[in-house]
C-alpha atoms as a PDB file:
ATOM      1  CA  MET A   1      73.489 102.643  92.583  1.00  0.00           C
ATOM      2  CA  SER A   2      75.442 105.388  90.593  1.00  0.00           C
ATOM      3  CA  PRO A   3      78.548 107.011  92.352  1.00  0.00           C
ATOM      4  CA  GLY A   4      76.094 110.138  92.884  1.00  0.00           C
ATOM      5  CA  GLN A   5      73.291 108.341  94.757  1.00  0.00           C
ATOM      6  CA  VAL A   6      76.395 106.804  97.064  1.00  0.00           C
ATOM      7  CA  LEU A   7      77.715 110.059  97.832  1.00  0.00           C
ATOM      8  CA  ALA A   8      74.436 111.731  98.451  1.00  0.00           C
ATOM      9  CA  ALA A   9      73.624 108.785 101.054  1.00  0.00           C
ATOM     10  CA  LEU A  10      76.787 109.362 102.851  1.00  0.00           C
ATOM     11  CA  PRO A  11      75.520 112.005 105.568  1.00  0.00           C
ATOM     12  CA  SER A  12      72.553 109.574 106.468  1.00  0.00           C
ATOM     13  CA  ALA A  13      75.413 107.211 107.489  1.00  0.00           C
ATOM     14  CA  GLY A  14      77.189 109.388 109.550  1.00  0.00           C
ATOM     15  CA  LEU A  15      80.030 109.276 106.898  1.00  0.00           C
ATOM     16  CA  GLY A  16      81.688 112.180 105.095  1.00  0.00           C
ATOM     17  CA  GLN A  17      84.076 112.788 101.762  1.00  0.00           C
ATOM     18  CA  GLU A  18      87.431 114.357 102.436  1.00  0.00           C
ATOM     19  CA  GLN A  19      90.279 114.446  99.822  1.00  0.00           C
ATOM     20  CA  GLY A  20      88.653 111.966  97.664  1.00  0.00           C
ATOM     21  CA  LEU A  21      88.158 109.597 100.482  1.00  0.00           C
ATOM     22  CA  VAL A  22      84.935 108.545 102.271  1.00  0.00           C
ATOM     23  CA  THR A  23      85.584 108.543 106.113  1.00  0.00           C
ATOM     24  CA  ALA A  24      83.887 108.590 109.726  1.00  0.00           C
ATOM     25  CA  GLY A  25      84.263 112.042 111.420  1.00  0.00           C
ATOM     26  CA  GLY A  26      87.665 112.840 113.288  1.00  0.00           C
ATOM     27  CA  LEU A  27      89.878 111.092 111.114  1.00  0.00           C
ATOM     28  CA  SER A  28      91.389 113.968 109.279  1.00  0.00           C
ATOM     29  CA  HIS A  29      95.034 112.802 110.103  1.00  0.00           C
ATOM     30  CA  CYS A  30      94.659 109.300 108.608  1.00  0.00           C
ATOM     31  CA  THR A  31      92.930 110.780 105.361  1.00  0.00           C
ATOM     32  CA  ALA A  32      95.936 113.126 104.807  1.00  0.00           C
ATOM     33  CA  ALA A  33      98.492 110.297 105.014  1.00  0.00           C
ATOM     34  CA  ILE A  34      96.347 107.757 103.058  1.00  0.00           C
ATOM     35  CA  ALA A  35      96.174 110.603 100.251  1.00  0.00           C
ATOM     36  CA  ARG A  36      99.925 111.072 100.275  1.00  0.00           C
ATOM     37  CA  ARG A  37     100.331 107.487  99.755  1.00  0.00           C
ATOM     38  CA  GLN A  38      97.924 107.233  96.828  1.00  0.00           C
ATOM     39  CA  ALA A  39      99.457 110.244  95.307  1.00  0.00           C
ATOM     40  CA  GLY A  40     102.906 108.600  95.196  1.00  0.00           C
ATOM     41  CA  HIS A  41     101.641 105.058  94.470  1.00  0.00           C
ATOM     42  CA  GLN A  42     102.348 105.115  90.823  1.00  0.00           C
ATOM     43  CA  LEU A  43     106.189 106.702  91.358  1.00  0.00           C
ATOM     44  CA  ALA A  44     107.109 103.142  92.212  1.00  0.00           C
ATOM     45  CA  ALA A  45     104.343 100.783  91.798  1.00  0.00           C
ATOM     46  CA  ASP A  46     105.042  99.888  88.350  1.00  0.00           C
ATOM     47  CA  ARG A  47     108.466  98.771  88.747  1.00  0.00           C
ATOM     48  CA  TYR A  48     108.082  96.838  92.004  1.00  0.00           C
ATOM     49  CA  ARG A  49     104.876  94.905  90.504  1.00  0.00           C
ATOM     50  CA  ARG A  50     106.986  93.530  87.849  1.00  0.00           C
ATOM     51  CA  GLU A  51     109.622  92.480  90.367  1.00  0.00           C
ATOM     52  CA  ALA A  52     106.670  90.815  92.233  1.00  0.00           C
ATOM     53  CA  GLU A  53     105.051  88.949  89.151  1.00  0.00           C
ATOM     54  CA  LEU A  54     108.690  87.604  88.417  1.00  0.00           C
ATOM     55  CA  PHE A  55     109.383  86.230  91.958  1.00  0.00           C
ATOM     56  CA  ALA A  56     106.004  84.866  92.440  1.00  0.00           C
ATOM     57  CA  ARG A  57     106.375  82.939  89.374  1.00  0.00           C
ATOM     58  CA  ASN A  58     109.812  81.817  90.448  1.00  0.00           C
ATOM     59  CA  LEU A  59     108.613  80.734  93.787  1.00  0.00           C
ATOM     60  CA  ALA A  60     105.971  78.577  92.066  1.00  0.00           C
ATOM     61  CA  ALA A  61     108.549  77.187  89.571  1.00  0.00           C
ATOM     62  CA  TRP A  62     111.043  76.142  92.323  1.00  0.00           C
ATOM     63  CA  CYS A  63     108.306  74.896  94.877  1.00  0.00           C
ATOM     64  CA  PRO A  64     105.799  72.535  93.255  1.00  0.00           C
ATOM     65  CA  PHE A  65     103.881  72.712  96.422  1.00  0.00           C
ATOM     66  CA  VAL A  66     102.896  76.125  95.939  1.00  0.00           C
ATOM     67  CA  ILE A  67      99.446  76.250  94.345  1.00  0.00           C
ATOM     68  CA  ALA A  68      98.766  80.374  93.940  1.00  0.00           C
ATOM     69  CA  VAL A  69     100.622  83.323  94.602  1.00  0.00           C
ATOM     70  CA  SER A  70      99.049  86.873  94.945  1.00  0.00           C
ATOM     71  CA  ILE A  71     100.358  90.401  95.222  1.00  0.00           C
ATOM     72  CA  ALA A  72      98.870  91.892  98.570  1.00  0.00           C
ATOM     73  CA  GLY A  73      99.451  94.851 100.888  1.00  0.00           C
ATOM     74  CA  SER A  74     100.086  98.252  99.783  1.00  0.00           C
ATOM     75  CA  LEU A  75     100.975  97.508  96.209  1.00  0.00           C
ATOM     76  CA  ALA A  76      97.864  95.816  95.826  1.00  0.00           C
ATOM     77  CA  SER A  77      95.666  98.395  97.622  1.00  0.00           C
ATOM     78  CA  GLY A  78      96.875 101.463  95.888  1.00  0.00           C
ATOM     79  CA  GLY A  79      99.299 103.114  98.605  1.00  0.00           C
ATOM     80  CA  PHE A  80     102.660 101.653  97.961  1.00  0.00           C
ATOM     81  CA  ARG A  81     105.886 103.819  98.454  1.00  0.00           C
ATOM     82  CA  GLU A  82     109.445 102.817  97.983  1.00  0.00           C
ATOM     83  CA  THR A  83     110.212 101.905 101.513  1.00  0.00           C
ATOM     84  CA  ASP A  84     107.706  99.431 101.707  1.00  0.00           C
ATOM     85  CA  ASP A  85     107.849  95.498 101.451  1.00  0.00           C
ATOM     86  CA  VAL A  86     106.156  93.596  98.777  1.00  0.00           C
ATOM     87  CA  ASP A  87     103.488  91.370 100.593  1.00  0.00           C
ATOM     88  CA  LEU A  88     102.684  88.080  98.883  1.00  0.00           C
ATOM     89  CA  ASN A  89      99.400  85.669  99.860  1.00  0.00           C
ATOM     90  CA  LEU A  90     100.232  82.031  99.182  1.00  0.00           C
ATOM     91  CA  VAL A  91      97.869  79.107  98.717  1.00  0.00           C
ATOM     92  CA  VAL A  92     100.008  75.767  99.144  1.00  0.00           C
ATOM     93  CA  GLU A  93      99.230  72.049  99.235  1.00  0.00           C
ATOM     94  CA  ASP A  94      98.221  70.663 102.630  1.00  0.00           C
ATOM     95  CA  GLY A  95     101.180  70.005 105.091  1.00  0.00           C
ATOM     96  CA  HIS A  96     103.555  72.418 103.469  1.00  0.00           C
ATOM     97  CA  ARG A  97     102.628  75.807 105.163  1.00  0.00           C
ATOM     98  CA  HIS A  98     105.940  76.263 106.964  1.00  0.00           C
ATOM     99  CA  LEU A  99     107.842  74.850 104.314  1.00  0.00           C
ATOM    100  CA  ALA A 100     106.378  77.526 101.915  1.00  0.00           C
ATOM    101  CA  TYR A 101     107.259  80.433 104.668  1.00  0.00           C
ATOM    102  CA  VAL A 102     110.970  79.176 104.632  1.00  0.00           C
ATOM    103  CA  ALA A 103     111.442  79.008 100.877  1.00  0.00           C
ATOM    104  CA  LEU A 104     109.591  82.204 100.400  1.00  0.00           C
ATOM    105  CA  ASN A 105     112.435  83.801 102.869  1.00  0.00           C
ATOM    106  CA  LEU A 106     115.277  81.993 101.611  1.00  0.00           C
ATOM    107  CA  LEU A 107     114.452  83.170  97.841  1.00  0.00           C
ATOM    108  CA  ALA A 108     113.655  86.867  99.281  1.00  0.00           C
ATOM    109  CA  VAL A 109     117.035  86.983 100.918  1.00  0.00           C
ATOM    110  CA  LEU A 110     118.799  86.151  97.553  1.00  0.00           C
ATOM    111  CA  HIS A 111     116.554  88.359  95.519  1.00  0.00           C
ATOM    112  CA  ALA A 112     117.316  91.025  98.254  1.00  0.00           C
ATOM    113  CA  VAL A 113     121.090  91.168  97.356  1.00  0.00           C
ATOM    114  CA  ARG A 114     120.113  93.061  94.010  1.00  0.00           C
ATOM    115  CA  HIS A 115     117.872  95.460  96.068  1.00  0.00           C
ATOM    116  CA  ARG A 116     120.476  96.226  98.999  1.00  0.00           C
ATOM    117  CA  ARG A 117     120.124  99.894  98.395  1.00  0.00           C
ATOM    118  CA  LYS A 118     116.558  99.936  98.877  1.00  0.00           C
ATOM    119  CA  PRO A 119     115.374 102.330 101.147  1.00  0.00           C
ATOM    120  CA  VAL A 120     113.653 101.339 104.033  1.00  0.00           C
ATOM    121  CA  ASP A 121     111.753 102.529 107.455  1.00  0.00           C
ATOM    122  CA  ALA A 122     111.205 101.318 110.826  1.00  0.00           C
ATOM    123  CA  HIS A 123     108.899  98.641 109.612  1.00  0.00           C
ATOM    124  CA  THR A 124     110.896  97.340 106.897  1.00  0.00           C
ATOM    125  CA  ALA A 125     114.517  97.470 108.130  1.00  0.00           C
ATOM    126  CA  ARG A 126     116.331  93.959 108.152  1.00  0.00           C
ATOM    127  CA  PRO A 127     119.549  92.857 109.867  1.00  0.00           C
ATOM    128  CA  LEU A 128     121.295  91.871 107.028  1.00  0.00           C
ATOM    129  CA  VAL A 129     119.838  93.011 103.550  1.00  0.00           C
ATOM    130  CA  PRO A 130     116.632  95.107 103.023  1.00  0.00           C
ATOM    131  CA  ARG A 131     114.447  92.279 101.967  1.00  0.00           C
ATOM    132  CA  LEU A 132     111.572  93.394  99.315  1.00  0.00           C
ATOM    133  CA  MET A 133     109.301  90.308  99.209  1.00  0.00           C
ATOM    134  CA  THR A 134     107.735  88.951 102.384  1.00  0.00           C
ATOM    135  CA  ALA A 135     104.928  86.586 102.830  1.00  0.00           C
ATOM    136  CA  ASN A 136     101.629  88.046 104.459  1.00  0.00           C
ATOM    137  CA  LEU A 137      98.988  85.299 104.338  1.00  0.00           C
ATOM    138  CA  VAL A 138      99.742  81.306 103.861  1.00  0.00           C
ATOM    139  CA  LEU A 139      96.984  78.967 103.361  1.00  0.00           C
ATOM    140  CA  GLU A 140      96.862  75.167 102.964  1.00  0.00           C
ATOM    141  CA  ARG A 141      94.360  73.887 100.045  1.00  0.00           C
ATOM    142  CA  ALA A 142      92.627  72.787 103.116  1.00  0.00           C
ATOM    143  CA  ASP A 143      91.888  75.818 104.613  1.00  0.00           C
ATOM    144  CA  CYS A 144      90.258  77.491 101.448  1.00  0.00           C
ATOM    145  CA  PHE A 145      87.182  74.636 101.738  1.00  0.00           C
ATOM    146  CA  PRO A 146      85.799  76.229 103.617  1.00  0.00           C
ATOM    147  CA  LEU A 147      87.755  79.516 104.937  1.00  0.00           C
ATOM    148  CA  ARG A 148      86.957  79.652 108.757  1.00  0.00           C
ATOM    149  CA  ARG A 149      87.090  83.559 108.197  1.00  0.00           C
ATOM    150  CA  THR A 150      84.745  85.093 105.772  1.00  0.00           C
ATOM    151  CA  ASP A 151      84.554  88.327 107.668  1.00  0.00           C
ATOM    152  CA  ALA A 152      84.687  91.689 105.907  1.00  0.00           C
ATOM    153  CA  ASP A 153      88.263  92.140 106.910  1.00  0.00           C
ATOM    154  CA  MET A 154      89.311  88.842 105.308  1.00  0.00           C
ATOM    155  CA  ALA A 155      87.187  89.640 102.207  1.00  0.00           C
ATOM    156  CA  TYR A 156      88.518  92.795 101.713  1.00  0.00           C
ATOM    157  CA  GLU A 157      92.075  91.333 102.000  1.00  0.00           C
ATOM    158  CA  LEU A 158      91.325  88.802  99.117  1.00  0.00           C
ATOM    159  CA  LEU A 159      89.441  91.308  97.100  1.00  0.00           C
ATOM    160  CA  VAL A 160      92.542  93.838  96.639  1.00  0.00           C
ATOM    161  CA  ALA A 161      95.174  90.799  96.375  1.00  0.00           C
ATOM    162  CA  GLN A 162      96.016  90.515  92.824  1.00  0.00           C
ATOM    163  CA  PRO A 163      96.455  86.924  91.649  1.00  0.00           C
ATOM    164  CA  VAL A 164      99.588  86.074  89.715  1.00  0.00           C
ATOM    165  CA  VAL A 165      99.934  82.357  89.657  1.00  0.00           C
ATOM    166  CA  GLY A 166      96.580  80.398  90.465  1.00  0.00           C
ATOM    167  CA  GLY A 167      93.924  82.728  89.398  1.00  0.00           C
ATOM    168  CA  ARG A 168      91.516  79.712  88.656  1.00  0.00           C
ATOM    169  CA  PHE A 169      92.089  77.788  91.948  1.00  0.00           C
ATOM    170  CA  LEU A 170      91.431  81.382  93.622  1.00  0.00           C
ATOM    171  CA  ALA A 171      88.419  81.731  91.931  1.00  0.00           C
ATOM    172  CA  GLY A 172      87.006  78.551  92.943  1.00  0.00           C
ATOM    173  CA  ALA A 173      87.911  79.061  96.350  1.00  0.00           C
ATOM    174  CA  TYR A 174      85.814  82.259  96.586  1.00  0.00           C
ATOM    175  CA  ARG A 175      82.969  80.634  94.807  1.00  0.00           C
ATOM    176  CA  ALA A 176      83.078  77.709  97.564  1.00  0.00           C
ATOM    177  CA  ASN A 177      82.873  80.324 100.246  1.00  0.00           C
ATOM    178  CA  PRO A 178      79.745  82.432  99.179  1.00  0.00           C
ATOM    179  CA  ARG A 179      79.689  84.638 102.560  1.00  0.00           C
ATOM    180  CA  LEU A 180      82.653  86.375 100.792  1.00  0.00           C
ATOM    181  CA  GLY A 181      80.461  87.544  98.136  1.00  0.00           C
ATOM    182  CA  ASP A 182      77.891  88.868 100.536  1.00  0.00           C
ATOM    183  CA  GLN A 183      80.584  90.955 102.060  1.00  0.00           C
ATOM    184  CA  PHE A 184      81.716  92.211  98.902  1.00  0.00           C
ATOM    185  CA  PRO A 185      80.001  91.407  95.731  1.00  0.00           C
ATOM    186  CA  GLN A 186      82.761  92.486  93.493  1.00  0.00           C
ATOM    187  CA  LEU A 187      85.193  89.600  94.648  1.00  0.00           C
ATOM    188  CA  SER A 188      82.521  86.943  93.135  1.00  0.00           C
ATOM    189  CA  LEU A 189      81.723  89.332  90.103  1.00  0.00           C
ATOM    190  CA  ARG A 190      85.241  89.810  89.033  1.00  0.00           C
ATOM    191  CA  PRO A 191      86.585  88.111  85.981  1.00  0.00           C
ATOM    192  CA  VAL A 192      88.972  84.986  86.662  1.00  0.00           C
ATOM    193  CA  ALA A 193      92.712  86.226  86.267  1.00  0.00           C
ATOM    194  CA  ALA A 194      94.251  84.295  83.401  1.00  0.00           C
ATOM    195  CA  ASP A 195      96.791  81.807  84.829  1.00  0.00           C
ATOM    196  CA  GLN A 196     100.387  82.316  84.350  1.00  0.00           C
ATOM    197  CA  THR A 197     102.121  79.206  82.608  1.00  0.00           C
ATOM    198  CA  VAL A 198     104.667  78.005  85.119  1.00  0.00           C
ATOM    199  CA  ARG A 199     107.169  75.211  84.304  1.00  0.00           C
ATOM    200  CA  ARG A 200     108.024  73.524  87.392  1.00  0.00           C
ATOM    201  CA  ARG A 201     111.325  73.042  87.846  1.00  0.00           C
ATOM    202  CA  LEU A 202     111.534  70.392  90.747  1.00  0.00           C
ATOM    203  CA  PRO A 203     109.299  67.587  91.137  1.00  0.00           C
ATOM    204  CA  ALA A 204     106.825  67.487  94.179  1.00  0.00           C
ATOM    205  CA  TRP A 205     108.479  64.399  95.518  1.00  0.00           C
ATOM    206  CA  LEU A 206     111.304  66.508  96.936  1.00  0.00           C
ATOM    207  CA  PHE A 207     109.151  68.343  99.115  1.00  0.00           C
ATOM    208  CA  PRO A 208     107.361  65.743 101.398  1.00  0.00           C
ATOM    209  CA  ALA A 209     105.169  66.695 104.163  1.00  0.00           C
ATOM    210  CA  CYS A 210     107.317  65.336 106.856  1.00  0.00           C
ATOM    211  CA  LEU A 211     110.033  68.518 106.018  1.00  0.00           C
ATOM    212  CA  ASP A 212     107.095  70.822 107.474  1.00  0.00           C
ATOM    213  CA  GLY A 213     108.026  70.031 110.932  1.00  0.00           C
ATOM    214  CA  PRO A 214     111.522  71.061 110.798  1.00  0.00           C
ATOM    215  CA  ALA A 215     110.563  74.075 108.647  1.00  0.00           C
ATOM    216  CA  ARG A 216     108.300  75.210 111.395  1.00  0.00           C
ATOM    217  CA  VAL A 217     110.894  75.044 113.877  1.00  0.00           C
ATOM    218  CA  LEU A 218     113.587  76.908 111.493  1.00  0.00           C
ATOM    219  CA  GLY A 219     110.941  79.348 110.401  1.00  0.00           C
ATOM    220  CA  ARG A 220     109.796  80.067 114.069  1.00  0.00           C
ATOM    221  CA  ALA A 221     113.558  80.725 115.302  1.00  0.00           C
ATOM    222  CA  ALA A 222     114.109  83.129 112.185  1.00  0.00           C
ATOM    223  CA  TRP A 223     110.775  84.981 113.181  1.00  0.00           C
ATOM    224  CA  ARG A 224     111.672  85.065 116.755  1.00  0.00           C
ATOM    225  CA  TYR A 225     115.142  86.518 115.741  1.00  0.00           C
ATOM    226  CA  MET A 226     113.585  89.108 113.531  1.00  0.00           C
ATOM    227  CA  GLN A 227     111.548  90.290 116.135  1.00  0.00           C
ATOM    228  CA  TRP A 228     114.679  90.575 118.476  1.00  0.00           C
ATOM    229  CA  THR A 229     116.334  92.979 115.975  1.00  0.00           C
ATOM    230  CA  ARG A 230     113.342  95.006 116.309  1.00  0.00           C
ATOM    231  CA  ARG A 231     113.121  95.227 120.392  1.00  0.00           C
ATOM    232  CA  GLY A 232     114.486  98.598 120.115  1.00  0.00           C
ATOM    233  CA  ARG A 233     111.844  99.929 117.497  1.00  0.00           C
ATOM    234  CA  PRO A 234     108.357  99.704 119.232  1.00  0.00           C
ATOM    235  CA  GLU A 235     106.484 101.124 116.160  1.00  0.00           C
ATOM    236  CA  ALA A 236     107.560  98.172 114.188  1.00  0.00           C
ATOM    237  CA  LEU A 237     106.734  95.694 116.881  1.00  0.00           C
ATOM    238  CA  ASP A 238     103.297  97.252 117.045  1.00  0.00           C
ATOM    239  CA  ARG A 239     102.951  97.080 113.312  1.00  0.00           C
ATOM    240  CA  VAL A 240     103.511  92.883 113.481  1.00  0.00           C
ATOM    241  CA  ALA A 241     101.509  92.687 116.370  1.00  0.00           C
ATOM    242  CA  PHE A 242      98.594  94.353 114.242  1.00  0.00           C
ATOM    243  CA  VAL A 243      98.987  92.479 111.409  1.00  0.00           C
ATOM    244  CA  ARG A 244      99.240  89.033 113.118  1.00  0.00           C
ATOM    245  CA  ALA A 245      95.968  90.271 114.503  1.00  0.00           C
ATOM    246  CA  THR A 246      94.300  90.958 111.622  1.00  0.00           C
ATOM    247  CA  MET A 247      95.685  87.514 110.069  1.00  0.00           C
ATOM    248  CA  HIS A 248      94.363  85.346 112.657  1.00  0.00           C
ATOM    249  CA  PRO A 249      93.705  82.420 112.917  1.00  0.00           C
ATOM    250  CA  TYR A 250      95.922  82.136 110.016  1.00  0.00           C
ATOM    251  CA  ALA A 251      99.206  83.788 111.309  1.00  0.00           C
ATOM    252  CA  LEU A 252     102.067  81.696 111.276  1.00  0.00           C
ATOM    253  CA  PHE A 253     103.591  80.338 114.669  1.00  0.00           C
ATOM    254  CA  GLU A 254     100.459  81.255 116.690  1.00  0.00           C
ATOM    255  CA  GLU A 255     100.558  79.147 120.064  1.00  0.00           C
END
């Protein structure tokens, strides 16, 4: 269908067009906020995308159990502003999920020292430094074959994510879950991202799966401390709860 045919079909579907966005009725306040984010996206996006790509390659270089890293969140979907975190999606070897979370956060704290003057909002303020890189979705290899979730929300999360490392692996994972393509045909039709060459700096045997248990304990403690520091910011806690709900059953530290 042509774009004109799609737009002509909106009224029969109970949809409309406002500020360049297709919406349901009664969402004027949301479309205005989204439009403002879209308008300001390019002001900071290019600089932070370069930072994210460099960080992703360094993470894969120092952590040989990391298979794929993608840029996600607002930087990928077109609504980034300088107060945002950069969200990263990871695929890691089986038995290394919590180890990857701890490793990413340790590297992110070191990385944040160079960005300690970064502006923050209620969602991104940190007790030490305004960390820029954060873990959004962490999957193990076995989680991908098959994915337990192939609904529209998960398909969209994978559709907008921009692979930096492991593009060929991710393309294979999408093909192995054809229901994703049923939700968004663009996902199965888009070109395979060229794999970045990553020189692994450490051997894989330094990171046996038995380290994942201690990493889980450490990661959970750090995560709970972070939520404790947000106790006076209900909007930040609500945002965390919303994001965790969208990531179920892959959210870290689920009971």
